[in-house]
Amino acid sequence: MVMGRSGGYGGRCGREGAAPVIVLRELSAEDWADWRELRLAALREAPHAFGAKLADWQGAGDTEHRWRHRLDGGSLNLLAAFDGTPAGMAGGMPPDRDGTVELISMWIAPFARGRGVGDALVTAVVQWAEEQGARRVALRVFTDNRHAANLYLRHGFLDRGAVGRERRLVREAGVS
């Protein structure tokens, strides 16, 4: 995958001309409407996969200021397009005092699952974390979300155990 900041993160999967194109775009506060559209779709389609609830981001919580604020602050916010159609999202929080980046807000649209979008997003967040000097990338996934857990395990994350309904997965820096 080719990495870049100006146009985003992107790459072509498979053989030239035959495979779909996955393009990842790093978002800023100016992209709040794009983030809003995909985040609300994620919360509608997979409410069980997130700590946040759709109702938290609708009604009084659905303000341009709030959406812009979510995209500010040094975090990484990625939007994935699959053949030009918005297909997924993921984020990375800046490293904490222990050097841990949290991978957050990961979601792939149903039509794009199993087609490389999740792999591209995880790879980009891990690479960004390493560029930030992080020692590890961590995330939480609900115990019943085996497809997501398998995606992370494929990328070198190790299962650190369950707390309630969530499993904590951690990937140390430099793991291939």
Protein backbone atom coordinates (compact mmCIF):
# COMPACT_ATOMS: atom_id res chain seq x y z
CA MET A 1 0.00 0.00 0.00
CA VAL A 2 1.24 3.46 -0.86
CA MET A 3 1.09 5.94 1.99
CA GLY A 4 0.62 9.66 1.58
CA ARG A 5 -0.82 12.64 3.41
CA SER A 6 -2.02 14.87 0.58
CA GLY A 7 -4.51 12.54 -1.05
CA GLY A 8 -4.71 10.08 1.79
CA TYR A 9 -3.68 6.49 2.17
CA GLY A 10 -4.34 4.31 -0.81
CA GLY A 11 -3.50 1.26 -2.75
CA ARG A 12 -4.67 -1.20 -5.32
CA CYS A 13 -5.55 -4.72 -4.30
CA GLY A 14 -4.72 -7.62 -6.58
CA ARG A 15 -3.59 -7.39 -10.19
CA GLU A 16 -3.48 -4.06 -12.02
CA GLY A 17 -6.75 -3.29 -13.78
CA ALA A 18 -8.57 -6.37 -12.44
CA ALA A 19 -9.12 -5.62 -8.78
CA PRO A 20 -11.15 -2.96 -7.01
CA VAL A 21 -9.39 0.09 -5.67
CA ILE A 22 -9.34 0.89 -1.95
CA VAL A 23 -8.44 4.47 -1.09
CA LEU A 24 -8.03 5.72 2.46
CA ARG A 25 -8.40 9.41 3.15
CA GLU A 26 -7.17 11.11 6.31
CA LEU A 27 -9.90 13.44 7.52
CA SER A 28 -9.72 16.87 9.09
CA ALA A 29 -12.41 18.96 10.75
CA GLU A 30 -13.36 20.24 7.29
CA ASP A 31 -14.49 16.69 6.43
CA TRP A 32 -17.00 16.55 9.27
CA ALA A 33 -20.00 15.89 6.97
CA ASP A 34 -18.32 12.84 5.39
CA TRP A 35 -17.37 11.49 8.84
CA ARG A 36 -20.91 12.14 10.13
CA GLU A 37 -22.52 10.26 7.26
CA LEU A 38 -20.36 7.16 7.70
CA ARG A 39 -20.41 7.22 11.53
CA LEU A 40 -24.21 7.39 11.62
CA ALA A 41 -24.39 4.55 9.07
CA ALA A 42 -22.07 2.49 11.29
CA LEU A 43 -24.10 3.13 14.43
CA ARG A 44 -27.31 2.24 12.57
CA GLU A 45 -25.97 -0.93 10.96
CA ALA A 46 -23.91 -2.31 13.88
CA PRO A 47 -25.11 -0.75 17.15
CA HIS A 48 -23.78 -3.79 19.03
CA ALA A 49 -20.19 -3.07 17.89
CA PHE A 50 -19.72 0.34 19.51
CA GLY A 51 -19.70 1.86 22.96
CA ALA A 52 -21.49 4.93 21.58
CA LYS A 53 -25.16 4.75 20.66
CA LEU A 54 -26.89 6.24 17.61
CA ALA A 55 -29.10 8.33 19.89
CA ASP A 56 -25.97 9.94 21.39
CA TRP A 57 -25.12 11.43 17.99
CA GLN A 58 -28.61 12.42 16.85
CA GLY A 59 -31.02 15.13 17.97
CA ALA A 60 -29.29 17.65 20.23
CA GLY A 61 -26.00 15.75 19.83
CA ASP A 62 -26.00 16.14 16.04
CA THR A 63 -24.22 19.48 15.67
CA GLU A 64 -21.56 20.58 13.22
CA HIS A 65 -19.46 21.82 16.15
CA ARG A 66 -19.49 18.40 17.81
CA TRP A 67 -18.60 16.56 14.59
CA ARG A 68 -15.75 18.99 13.85
CA HIS A 69 -14.46 18.65 17.42
CA ARG A 70 -14.41 14.86 17.07
CA LEU A 71 -12.01 15.21 14.11
CA ASP A 72 -9.68 17.69 15.85
CA GLY A 73 -7.07 17.06 18.49
CA GLY A 74 -4.22 15.13 16.91
CA SER A 75 -6.06 11.88 16.34
CA LEU A 76 -6.03 9.96 13.07
CA ASN A 77 -9.41 9.65 11.37
CA LEU A 78 -9.62 7.61 8.19
CA LEU A 79 -12.40 7.12 5.69
CA ALA A 80 -12.10 4.18 3.27
CA ALA A 81 -13.60 4.16 -0.20
CA PHE A 82 -14.04 0.93 -2.16
CA ASP A 83 -14.24 1.61 -5.89
CA GLY A 84 -15.22 5.19 -5.08
CA THR A 85 -17.98 4.36 -2.59
CA PRO A 86 -17.57 5.13 1.14
CA ALA A 87 -16.95 1.72 2.69
CA GLY A 88 -15.36 2.04 6.11
CA MET A 89 -13.71 4.09 8.79
CA ALA A 90 -11.19 3.82 11.60
CA GLY A 91 -9.39 6.09 13.99
CA GLY A 92 -6.26 6.20 16.08
CA MET A 93 -5.87 8.20 19.28
CA PRO A 94 -2.49 9.86 19.96
CA PRO A 95 -0.13 7.76 22.10
CA ASP A 96 -0.81 7.94 25.82
CA ARG A 97 1.92 8.22 28.49
CA ASP A 98 2.69 4.51 28.11
CA GLY A 99 3.11 4.84 24.34
CA THR A 100 -0.18 3.13 23.47
CA VAL A 101 -2.32 4.20 20.52
CA GLU A 102 -5.97 3.14 20.70
CA LEU A 103 -7.52 1.95 17.44
CA ILE A 104 -11.12 3.20 17.62
CA SER A 105 -14.30 3.61 15.57
CA MET A 106 -13.50 0.75 13.18
CA TRP A 107 -16.37 -0.18 10.87
CA ILE A 108 -16.68 -1.68 7.41
CA ALA A 109 -19.88 -1.40 5.39
CA PRO A 110 -21.48 -4.80 4.75
CA PHE A 111 -20.86 -4.65 0.98
CA ALA A 112 -17.11 -4.20 1.56
CA ARG A 113 -16.51 -6.81 4.25
CA GLY A 114 -14.01 -9.49 3.33
CA ARG A 115 -12.70 -7.39 0.42
CA GLY A 116 -9.55 -5.88 1.97
CA VAL A 117 -10.98 -2.66 3.40
CA GLY A 118 -10.49 -3.73 7.02
CA ASP A 119 -6.95 -4.88 6.28
CA ALA A 120 -6.14 -1.53 4.68
CA LEU A 121 -7.54 0.44 7.63
CA VAL A 122 -5.76 -1.62 10.29
CA THR A 123 -2.47 -1.40 8.37
CA ALA A 124 -2.80 2.39 8.07
CA VAL A 125 -3.58 2.91 11.77
CA VAL A 126 -0.66 0.67 12.80
CA GLN A 127 1.70 2.52 10.45
CA TRP A 128 0.50 5.89 11.76
CA ALA A 129 1.00 4.68 15.35
CA GLU A 130 4.58 3.68 14.57
CA GLU A 131 5.19 7.08 12.92
CA GLN A 132 3.98 8.65 16.20
CA GLY A 133 6.57 6.64 18.14
CA ALA A 134 3.96 4.39 19.78
CA ARG A 135 5.14 1.26 21.57
CA ARG A 136 1.88 -0.57 20.91
CA VAL A 137 -1.60 -0.36 19.38
CA ALA A 138 -4.54 -1.55 21.46
CA LEU A 139 -8.26 -1.93 20.87
CA ARG A 140 -11.39 -3.38 22.35
CA VAL A 141 -13.74 -5.69 20.48
CA PHE A 142 -16.95 -7.29 21.69
CA THR A 143 -16.51 -10.98 22.44
CA ASP A 144 -19.22 -11.99 19.97
CA ASN A 145 -17.60 -10.12 17.06
CA ARG A 146 -15.40 -12.99 15.83
CA HIS A 147 -14.95 -11.58 12.30
CA ALA A 148 -13.44 -8.37 13.67
CA ALA A 149 -11.31 -10.23 16.21
CA ASN A 150 -9.95 -12.48 13.45
CA LEU A 151 -9.04 -9.42 11.38
CA TYR A 152 -7.00 -7.99 14.25
CA LEU A 153 -5.36 -11.32 15.08
CA ARG A 154 -4.25 -11.60 11.42
CA HIS A 155 -2.48 -8.28 11.89
CA GLY A 156 -0.41 -9.40 14.87
CA PHE A 157 -2.72 -8.35 17.69
CA LEU A 158 -2.71 -10.64 20.72
CA ASP A 159 -5.74 -11.32 22.87
CA ARG A 160 -5.10 -9.96 26.38
CA GLY A 161 -8.36 -11.29 27.83
CA ALA A 162 -11.95 -10.28 28.36
CA VAL A 163 -13.43 -7.65 30.62
CA GLY A 164 -17.19 -8.05 30.60
CA ARG A 165 -18.39 -8.30 27.01
CA GLU A 166 -15.16 -6.90 25.52
CA ARG A 167 -11.80 -8.41 24.66
CA ARG A 168 -8.65 -6.31 24.80
CA LEU A 169 -6.30 -6.88 21.85
CA VAL A 170 -2.77 -5.46 21.74
CA ARG A 171 -0.10 -5.32 19.02
CA GLU A 172 3.43 -4.38 19.99
CA ALA A 173 5.31 -1.96 17.69
CA GLY A 174 7.45 -3.53 15.02
CA VAL A 175 5.44 -6.77 14.79
CA SER A 176 4.99 -7.95 11.20
